């Protein structure tokens, strides 16, 4: 049997699927950071600075 087997194509598809998943995850992380303003806290939500730092890490 010459050429590539089914397992080879499965490995290629899994590799590309995981690559796309990782790229989407990184893109989403960058988008969330870009949407937040780290200089201010939401004034509508009463939270203290120590509690905010403890919850957001």
PDB file of N, CA and C in Angstrom:
ATOM      1  N   UNK A   1       0.852  -1.172   0.000  1.00  0.00           N
ATOM      2  CA  UNK A   1       0.000   0.000   0.000  1.00  0.00           C
ATOM      3  C   UNK A   1       0.900   1.238   0.000  1.00  0.00           C
ATOM      4  N   UNK A   2       0.848   2.003  -1.039  1.00  0.00           N
ATOM      5  CA  UNK A   2       1.704   3.178  -1.147  1.00  0.00           C
ATOM      6  C   UNK A   2       0.936   4.438  -0.744  1.00  0.00           C
ATOM      7  N   UNK A   3       1.691   5.469  -0.477  1.00  0.00           N
ATOM      8  CA  UNK A   3       1.051   6.731  -0.100  1.00  0.00           C
ATOM      9  C   UNK A   3       0.821   6.820   1.387  1.00  0.00           C
ATOM     10  N   UNK A   4      -0.019   7.696   1.741  1.00  0.00           N
ATOM     11  CA  UNK A   4      -0.299   7.945   3.157  1.00  0.00           C
ATOM     12  C   UNK A   4      -1.503   7.116   3.605  1.00  0.00           C
ATOM     13  N   UNK A   5      -1.390   6.611   4.816  1.00  0.00           N
ATOM     14  CA  UNK A   5      -2.483   5.839   5.383  1.00  0.00           C
ATOM     15  C   UNK A   5      -3.483   6.737   6.089  1.00  0.00           C
ATOM     16  N   UNK A   6      -4.523   6.113   6.567  1.00  0.00           N
ATOM     17  CA  UNK A   6      -5.585   6.848   7.256  1.00  0.00           C
ATOM     18  C   UNK A   6      -5.046   7.486   8.533  1.00  0.00           C
ATOM     19  N   UNK A   7      -4.161   6.780   9.235  1.00  0.00           N
ATOM     20  CA  UNK A   7      -3.609   7.326  10.473  1.00  0.00           C
ATOM     21  C   UNK A   7      -2.823   8.606  10.230  1.00  0.00           C
ATOM     22  N   UNK A   8      -2.120   8.671   9.108  1.00  0.00           N
ATOM     23  CA  UNK A   8      -1.360   9.881   8.795  1.00  0.00           C
ATOM     24  C   UNK A   8      -2.295  11.072   8.590  1.00  0.00           C
ATOM     25  N   UNK A   9      -3.378  10.852   7.879  1.00  0.00           N
ATOM     26  CA  UNK A   9      -4.335  11.941   7.655  1.00  0.00           C
ATOM     27  C   UNK A   9      -5.008  12.344   8.962  1.00  0.00           C
ATOM     28  N   UNK A  10      -5.264  11.374   9.831  1.00  0.00           N
ATOM     29  CA  UNK A  10      -5.844  11.706  11.130  1.00  0.00           C
ATOM     30  C   UNK A  10      -4.896  12.579  11.952  1.00  0.00           C
ATOM     31  N   UNK A  11      -3.605  12.248  11.920  1.00  0.00           N
ATOM     32  CA  UNK A  11      -2.621  13.044  12.647  1.00  0.00           C
ATOM     33  C   UNK A  11      -2.563  14.459  12.091  1.00  0.00           C
ATOM     34  N   UNK A  12      -2.594  14.595  10.770  1.00  0.00           N
ATOM     35  CA  UNK A  12      -2.560  15.922  10.151  1.00  0.00           C
ATOM     36  C   UNK A  12      -3.796  16.725  10.548  1.00  0.00           C
ATOM     37  N   UNK A  13      -4.963  16.115  10.489  1.00  0.00           N
ATOM     38  CA  UNK A  13      -6.195  16.819  10.857  1.00  0.00           C
ATOM     39  C   UNK A  13      -6.223  17.193  12.337  1.00  0.00           C
ATOM     40  N   UNK A  14      -5.753  16.298  13.193  1.00  0.00           N
ATOM     41  CA  UNK A  14      -5.705  16.604  14.624  1.00  0.00           C
ATOM     42  C   UNK A  14      -4.736  17.746  14.886  1.00  0.00           C
ATOM     43  N   UNK A  15      -3.576  17.729  14.215  1.00  0.00           N
ATOM     44  CA  UNK A  15      -2.605  18.803  14.383  1.00  0.00           C
ATOM     45  C   UNK A  15      -3.208  20.144  13.991  1.00  0.00           C
ATOM     46  N   UNK A  16      -3.851  20.209  12.837  1.00  0.00           N
ATOM     47  CA  UNK A  16      -4.428  21.480  12.395  1.00  0.00           C
ATOM     48  C   UNK A  16      -5.594  21.898  13.284  1.00  0.00           C
ATOM     49  N   UNK A  17      -6.379  20.943  13.743  1.00  0.00           N
ATOM     50  CA  UNK A  17      -7.476  21.271  14.650  1.00  0.00           C
ATOM     51  C   UNK A  17      -6.977  21.855  15.959  1.00  0.00           C
ATOM     52  N   UNK A  18      -5.941  21.241  16.537  1.00  0.00           N
ATOM     53  CA  UNK A  18      -5.376  21.768  17.776  1.00  0.00           C
ATOM     54  C   UNK A  18      -4.695  23.109  17.553  1.00  0.00           C
ATOM     55  N   UNK A  19      -4.075  23.286  16.394  1.00  0.00           N
ATOM     56  CA  UNK A  19      -3.434  24.568  16.085  1.00  0.00           C
ATOM     57  C   UNK A  19      -4.468  25.686  15.993  1.00  0.00           C
ATOM     58  N   UNK A  20      -5.577  25.420  15.332  1.00  0.00           N
ATOM     59  CA  UNK A  20      -6.639  26.425  15.213  1.00  0.00           C
ATOM     60  C   UNK A  20      -7.246  26.718  16.583  1.00  0.00           C
ATOM     61  N   UNK A  21      -7.455  25.683  17.386  1.00  0.00           N
ATOM     62  CA  UNK A  21      -8.003  25.877  18.725  1.00  0.00           C
ATOM     63  C   UNK A  21      -7.079  26.740  19.576  1.00  0.00           C
ATOM     64  N   UNK A  22      -5.782  26.475  19.507  1.00  0.00           N
ATOM     65  CA  UNK A  22      -4.815  27.275  20.270  1.00  0.00           C
ATOM     66  C   UNK A  22      -4.798  28.722  19.781  1.00  0.00           C
ATOM     67  N   UNK A  23      -4.837  28.912  18.469  1.00  0.00           N
ATOM     68  CA  UNK A  23      -4.827  30.271  17.914  1.00  0.00           C
ATOM     69  C   UNK A  23      -6.073  31.046  18.349  1.00  0.00           C
ATOM     70  N   UNK A  24      -7.223  30.397  18.355  1.00  0.00           N
ATOM     71  CA  UNK A  24      -8.445  31.063  18.806  1.00  0.00           C
ATOM     72  C   UNK A  24      -8.375  31.412  20.287  1.00  0.00           C
ATOM     73  N   UNK A  25      -7.786  30.524  21.068  1.00  0.00           N
ATOM     74  CA  UNK A  25      -7.660  30.787  22.501  1.00  0.00           C
ATOM     75  C   UNK A  25      -6.754  31.991  22.763  1.00  0.00           C
ATOM     76  N   UNK A  26      -5.641  32.061  22.054  1.00  0.00           N
ATOM     77  CA  UNK A  26      -4.729  33.195  22.212  1.00  0.00           C
ATOM     78  C   UNK A  26      -5.404  34.475  21.745  1.00  0.00           C
ATOM     79  N   UNK A  27      -6.115  34.412  20.624  1.00  0.00           N
ATOM     80  CA  UNK A  27      -6.794  35.584  20.094  1.00  0.00           C
ATOM     81  C   UNK A  27      -7.849  36.087  21.077  1.00  0.00           C
ATOM     82  N   UNK A  28      -8.588  35.179  21.686  1.00  0.00           N
ATOM     83  CA  UNK A  28      -9.604  35.570  22.661  1.00  0.00           C
ATOM     84  C   UNK A  28      -8.965  36.198  23.893  1.00  0.00           C
ATOM     85  N   UNK A  29      -7.846  35.647  24.341  1.00  0.00           N
ATOM     86  CA  UNK A  29      -7.157  36.215  25.501  1.00  0.00           C
ATOM     87  C   UNK A  29      -6.691  37.635  25.216  1.00  0.00           C
ATOM     88  N   UNK A  30      -6.155  37.859  24.040  1.00  0.00           N
ATOM     89  CA  UNK A  30      -5.700  39.198  23.666  1.00  0.00           C
ATOM     90  C   UNK A  30      -6.887  40.146  23.561  1.00  0.00           C
ATOM     91  N   UNK A  31      -7.999  39.674  23.027  1.00  0.00           N
ATOM     92  CA  UNK A  31      -9.183  40.520  22.876  1.00  0.00           C
ATOM     93  C   UNK A  31      -9.748  40.922  24.234  1.00  0.00           C
ATOM     94  N   UNK A  32      -9.776  40.000  25.179  1.00  0.00           N
ATOM     95  CA  UNK A  32     -10.305  40.313  26.508  1.00  0.00           C
ATOM     96  C   UNK A  32      -9.419  41.343  27.191  1.00  0.00           C
ATOM     97  N   UNK A  33      -8.114  41.198  27.079  1.00  0.00           N
ATOM     98  CA  UNK A  33      -7.202  42.170  27.683  1.00  0.00           C
ATOM     99  C   UNK A  33      -7.371  43.532  27.027  1.00  0.00           C
ATOM    100  N   UNK A  34      -7.562  43.559  25.723  1.00  0.00           N
ATOM    101  CA  UNK A  34      -7.719  44.827  25.012  1.00  0.00           C
ATOM    102  C   UNK A  34      -9.035  45.518  25.376  1.00  0.00           C
ATOM    103  N   UNK A  35     -10.060  44.747  25.743  1.00  0.00           N
ATOM    104  CA  UNK A  35     -11.357  45.337  26.069  1.00  0.00           C
ATOM    105  C   UNK A  35     -11.425  45.881  27.489  1.00  0.00           C
ATOM    106  N   UNK A  36     -10.497  45.482  28.343  1.00  0.00           N
ATOM    107  CA  UNK A  36     -10.549  45.931  29.730  1.00  0.00           C
ATOM    108  C   UNK A  36      -9.698  47.169  29.930  1.00  0.00           C
ATOM    109  N   UNK A  37     -10.101  47.960  30.888  1.00  0.00           N
ATOM    110  CA  UNK A  37      -9.349  49.150  31.257  1.00  0.00           C
ATOM    111  C   UNK A  37      -8.819  48.918  32.662  1.00  0.00           C
ATOM    112  N   UNK A  38      -7.546  48.653  32.774  1.00  0.00           N
ATOM    113  CA  UNK A  38      -6.978  48.294  34.075  1.00  0.00           C
ATOM    114  C   UNK A  38      -6.831  49.489  35.011  1.00  0.00           C
ATOM    115  N   UNK A  39      -7.015  50.696  34.510  1.00  0.00           N
ATOM    116  CA  UNK A  39      -6.842  51.879  35.353  1.00  0.00           C
ATOM    117  C   UNK A  39      -8.045  52.137  36.251  1.00  0.00           C
ATOM    118  N   UNK A  40      -9.208  51.646  35.881  1.00  0.00           N
ATOM    119  CA  UNK A  40     -10.388  51.935  36.690  1.00  0.00           C
ATOM    120  C   UNK A  40     -11.190  50.668  36.949  1.00  0.00           C
ATOM    121  N   UNK A  41     -11.923  50.705  38.032  1.00  0.00           N
ATOM    122  CA  UNK A  41     -12.826  49.619  38.393  1.00  0.00           C
ATOM    123  C   UNK A  41     -14.230  50.086  38.068  1.00  0.00           C
ATOM    124  N   UNK A  42     -15.121  49.164  37.741  1.00  0.00           N
ATOM    125  CA  UNK A  42     -16.496  49.508  37.409  1.00  0.00           C
ATOM    126  C   UNK A  42     -17.139  50.256  38.583  1.00  0.00           C
ATOM    127  N   UNK A  43     -17.513  51.512  38.409  1.00  0.00           N
ATOM    128  CA  UNK A  43     -18.083  52.271  39.530  1.00  0.00           C
ATOM    129  C   UNK A  43     -19.474  51.788  39.936  1.00  0.00           C
ATOM    130  N   UNK A  44     -20.159  51.053  39.079  1.00  0.00           N
ATOM    131  CA  UNK A  44     -21.492  50.557  39.420  1.00  0.00           C
ATOM    132  C   UNK A  44     -21.428  49.347  40.341  1.00  0.00           C
ATOM    133  N   UNK A  45     -20.279  48.750  40.471  1.00  0.00           N
ATOM    134  CA  UNK A  45     -20.126  47.546  41.282  1.00  0.00           C
ATOM    135  C   UNK A  45     -19.304  47.889  42.517  1.00  0.00           C
ATOM    136  N   UNK A  46     -19.929  47.941  43.684  1.00  0.00           N
ATOM    137  CA  UNK A  46     -19.194  48.338  44.888  1.00  0.00           C
ATOM    138  C   UNK A  46     -18.239  47.230  45.346  1.00  0.00           C
ATOM    139  N   UNK A  47     -16.965  47.444  45.141  1.00  0.00           N
ATOM    140  CA  UNK A  47     -15.965  46.457  45.535  1.00  0.00           C
ATOM    141  C   UNK A  47     -14.723  47.200  46.021  1.00  0.00           C
ATOM    142  N   UNK A  48     -14.127  46.658  47.064  1.00  0.00           N
ATOM    143  CA  UNK A  48     -12.925  47.299  47.598  1.00  0.00           C
ATOM    144  C   UNK A  48     -11.697  46.852  46.807  1.00  0.00           C
ATOM    145  N   UNK A  49     -10.660  47.640  46.862  1.00  0.00           N
ATOM    146  CA  UNK A  49      -9.432  47.329  46.128  1.00  0.00           C
ATOM    147  C   UNK A  49      -8.813  45.995  46.578  1.00  0.00           C
ATOM    148  N   UNK A  50      -8.702  45.700  47.897  1.00  0.00           N
ATOM    149  CA  UNK A  50      -8.137  44.395  48.290  1.00  0.00           C
ATOM    150  C   UNK A  50      -8.980  43.213  47.804  1.00  0.00           C
ATOM    151  N   UNK A  51     -10.302  43.348  47.862  1.00  0.00           N
ATOM    152  CA  UNK A  51     -11.161  42.264  47.385  1.00  0.00           C
ATOM    153  C   UNK A  51     -11.013  42.085  45.881  1.00  0.00           C
ATOM    154  N   UNK A  52     -10.912  43.180  45.153  1.00  0.00           N
ATOM    155  CA  UNK A  52     -10.728  43.118  43.702  1.00  0.00           C
ATOM    156  C   UNK A  52      -9.424  42.411  43.359  1.00  0.00           C
ATOM    157  N   UNK A  53      -8.351  42.751  44.056  1.00  0.00           N
ATOM    158  CA  UNK A  53      -7.055  42.134  43.781  1.00  0.00           C
ATOM    159  C   UNK A  53      -7.059  40.652  44.147  1.00  0.00           C
ATOM    160  N   UNK A  54      -7.770  40.278  45.208  1.00  0.00           N
ATOM    161  CA  UNK A  54      -7.833  38.879  45.621  1.00  0.00           C
ATOM    162  C   UNK A  54      -8.630  38.048  44.619  1.00  0.00           C
ATOM    163  N   UNK A  55      -9.676  38.611  44.067  1.00  0.00           N
ATOM    164  CA  UNK A  55     -10.517  37.856  43.123  1.00  0.00           C
ATOM    165  C   UNK A  55      -9.918  37.785  41.734  1.00  0.00           C
ATOM    166  N   UNK A  56      -9.260  38.825  41.297  1.00  0.00           N
ATOM    167  CA  UNK A  56      -8.729  38.818  39.933  1.00  0.00           C
ATOM    168  C   UNK A  56      -7.295  38.320  39.867  1.00  0.00           C
ATOM    169  N   UNK A  57      -6.663  38.163  40.977  1.00  0.00           N
ATOM    170  CA  UNK A  57      -5.352  37.557  41.034  1.00  0.00           C
ATOM    171  C   UNK A  57      -4.252  38.428  40.660  1.00  0.00           C
TER     172      UNK A  57
END
